[in-house]
Amino acid sequence: MDISIIYSKDDPRQAKARNFVRQFIHDRGVLARFTESDQPVDSPTLIINGDVLTESRGKPRGKQPKMYPGIDEIANVLEKHIWSF
């Protein structure tokens, strides 16, 4: 399994998403090649075996200008890929 994340380490919410993915892989013993890329992005992007999870909203909720795929969304996508093999 190939898992990649593109995120900005300067943004605490994006760093939290990156840390969650690393911990998820470790806790479940997933055999995966994990790569990460620190880039000046507005929202993290998770790529699993070529499938991309990124924020799909056109407008943010409320007054928060930044948008993120949530931890729940990330967990669901990871679980789906783990069990699809």
Protein backbone atom coordinates (compact mmCIF):
# COMPACT_ATOMS: atom_id res chain seq x y z
CA MET A 1 0.00 0.00 0.00
CA ASP A 2 1.30 3.47 -0.88
CA ILE A 3 0.23 6.34 1.36
CA SER A 4 1.34 9.93 0.83
CA ILE A 5 0.40 13.18 2.49
CA ILE A 6 1.08 16.70 1.32
CA TYR A 7 0.76 19.18 4.16
CA SER A 8 2.18 22.36 5.68
CA LYS A 9 4.03 21.68 8.93
CA ASP A 10 3.61 25.35 9.84
CA ASP A 11 -0.16 24.85 10.17
CA PRO A 12 -1.01 23.01 13.42
CA ARG A 13 -4.20 21.49 11.99
CA GLN A 14 -2.36 20.10 8.99
CA ALA A 15 0.43 18.78 11.23
CA LYS A 16 -2.27 17.09 13.33
CA ALA A 17 -3.62 15.37 10.19
CA ARG A 18 -0.11 14.19 9.28
CA ASN A 19 0.52 12.89 12.80
CA PHE A 20 -2.83 11.09 12.76
CA VAL A 21 -1.98 9.28 9.52
CA ARG A 22 1.45 8.20 10.83
CA GLN A 23 -0.08 6.98 14.11
CA PHE A 24 -2.93 5.20 12.31
CA ILE A 25 -0.45 3.26 10.16
CA HIS A 26 1.69 2.39 13.17
CA ASP A 27 -1.17 1.39 15.50
CA ARG A 28 -2.74 -0.96 12.97
CA GLY A 29 0.52 -2.44 11.72
CA VAL A 30 -0.30 -1.49 8.14
CA LEU A 31 2.39 -2.52 5.69
CA ALA A 32 2.70 0.66 3.70
CA ARG A 33 5.20 2.89 2.01
CA PHE A 34 4.52 6.24 3.65
CA THR A 35 5.80 9.46 2.11
CA GLU A 36 5.17 12.98 3.24
CA SER A 37 5.81 16.31 1.64
CA ASP A 38 5.90 19.61 3.51
CA GLN A 39 4.66 22.30 1.12
CA PRO A 40 2.95 25.68 1.54
CA VAL A 41 -0.59 24.34 0.94
CA ASP A 42 -3.92 25.57 2.32
CA SER A 43 -5.22 22.08 3.07
CA PRO A 44 -3.61 18.65 3.44
CA THR A 45 -3.97 16.13 0.63
CA LEU A 46 -3.90 12.39 1.32
CA ILE A 47 -3.10 9.99 -1.52
CA ILE A 48 -3.67 6.26 -1.01
CA ASN A 49 -2.77 3.96 -3.89
CA GLY A 50 -3.47 6.79 -6.31
CA ASP A 51 -6.84 7.78 -4.78
CA VAL A 52 -6.82 11.39 -3.62
CA LEU A 53 -8.59 12.78 -0.55
CA THR A 54 -8.64 16.54 -0.44
CA GLU A 55 -11.10 19.16 0.69
CA SER A 56 -14.00 19.24 -1.76
CA ARG A 57 -16.02 22.15 -0.42
CA GLY A 58 -16.06 25.28 -2.49
CA LYS A 59 -16.74 27.51 0.49
CA PRO A 60 -15.60 27.16 4.09
CA ARG A 61 -18.00 26.43 6.91
CA GLY A 62 -18.54 29.45 9.09
CA LYS A 63 -15.91 32.15 9.25
CA GLN A 64 -12.90 29.84 9.09
CA PRO A 65 -11.08 30.69 5.85
CA LYS A 66 -9.18 27.37 5.65
CA MET A 67 -10.81 24.04 4.86
CA TYR A 68 -9.56 20.58 5.73
CA PRO A 69 -10.54 16.96 5.25
CA GLY A 70 -11.46 15.98 8.80
CA ILE A 71 -9.75 13.31 10.87
CA ASP A 72 -12.93 11.20 10.61
CA GLU A 73 -12.84 11.43 6.81
CA ILE A 74 -9.15 10.49 6.77
CA ALA A 75 -9.76 7.52 9.10
CA ASN A 76 -12.68 6.28 6.97
CA VAL A 77 -10.64 6.40 3.78
CA LEU A 78 -7.68 4.64 5.41
CA GLU A 79 -9.94 1.91 6.83
CA LYS A 80 -11.63 1.44 3.47
CA HIS A 81 -8.29 0.94 1.73
CA ILE A 82 -6.96 -1.42 4.40
CA TRP A 83 -9.98 -3.70 4.11
CA SER A 84 -10.22 -3.55 0.32
CA PHE A 85 -7.18 -5.77 -0.20
